[in-house]
Amino acid sequence: MKIIIAGGGTGGHLFPGIAIAEEWLKRDKGNTVLFVGTERGIEKRVLPCLGFDLAMIDVGGIKGKAMLSRVRAIAKLPRSFLQSDKILRSFRPHIVLGVGGYASGPVVLTARLHGFKTAIAEQNAFPGITNRILGHVVNKIFVTFGDGSTRYFPQKKVCCTGNPIRAAFLSGMDKTTEKRKKFTILVFGGSQGAAAINRVVLASLSRLAGIKEHLHIIHQTGHQGKEEIREAYRQEQFDAEVHPFIMDMAGFYKKADLLICRAGATSIAEITASGRASVLVPYPYATDDHQTSNAKVLVRAGASILIPEAQLTEESLTSVIFDLYNNREKIRIMEENSRRLARVDAAARVIDECLTLVGKTH
């Protein structure tokens, strides 16, 4: 059987799609997957390394863009629909699944017009405009947060599955944090880094000097400014690893006592699957501030500490780090609360529903 997974752009959209693709291929060696994305998205860099096929269409975002960018994006739409049509006629999928991102809209809409079975996966507590539109035309809607995004969609189509997690996060993850010689902090801002987090973490190093001999910092910086960040750690004589991008994120989660990161839905799902304590700094300019909605789910459960970016300073960040460094029992409780939120069967549930949709037993 064949599935098209459309979307990407960022890791938050792409990685759940990869998790679904892994489960699809696991079900039957004869199954095939085709991803559809864009030239500018993270999918172009990541998918070939994982052995997945990728077709591309030329499409851009509209909401939240400057007027000229909106005009250019609208002008590209007819071509993106023609490209989607060509891909669909050639591949002939049994089902088309949109996972968010620019490519999702044209591909899913074109598939629906051709009569293919269609579905979307919404990772966030507050769905984006594309998925809110697609929700009215697709056959099935998979959501992460049962008490959040369901109200934005036709209820009869909604299935609360949780956010699919890549297989690497589900195999060999410790039930509790490893005992390590040093307190390990993993800092990241999503697949492209986060300038605000990078800046405040570096500004905090002087305040952390008193415990630096007991710290190990792993920092995914993004590609911009990585050398300056690496040099800052060297100057302050911190034990730090600096990476522009981490492919094996599951392995690095396993090493960490504490995460400092954004609150994208995929990060939230990976945090809970791995049962880690976290300090969440939502990206304030995300569409409809959905990252804050995501973060509050973990905060209410006692799994995370929320610092809004407007309140992120070296004082506020180091206060939290010192508190958790000196209170390992608090971290253990946060880990337990985090793990309780995990939906480790999300990808399997999505595939079960997809197979039912196309009339196959599972």
Foldseek 3Di string as FASTA:
>chain_A
DEEEEEAAQFCLLVQLVVLLVVVQCVVDVPYAYEYEEAPNGPCVVPVVVVPHHYHYADADDQPPDDPVVNVVRVVRLVRLLVSLLVVCVVRVGQEYEYRDHGGRQSNQVSCLVVPHAYEYEALFLDGDPSVLVVLVRHQAYEYADPPGHCVSHDNVRYDDQHRRHHVLLQPPQDLFADDDQAAEEEEAEGQAGDVLSLVQVLVLLVVCLVCQVRYEYEYQHGPPPQVVSVVSCVVSVHRYHYHVGDPSVSVVLNNHQEYEYEQRSNVLQSCQSNLHAYEYAHDCPPVVSRSVVSVVVLVVLLQYHYDYSVRRHSVVVVVVVVVCVVCVVSRRSSSVSSNVSHSNCRSVVVVCVSCVSSPHHD
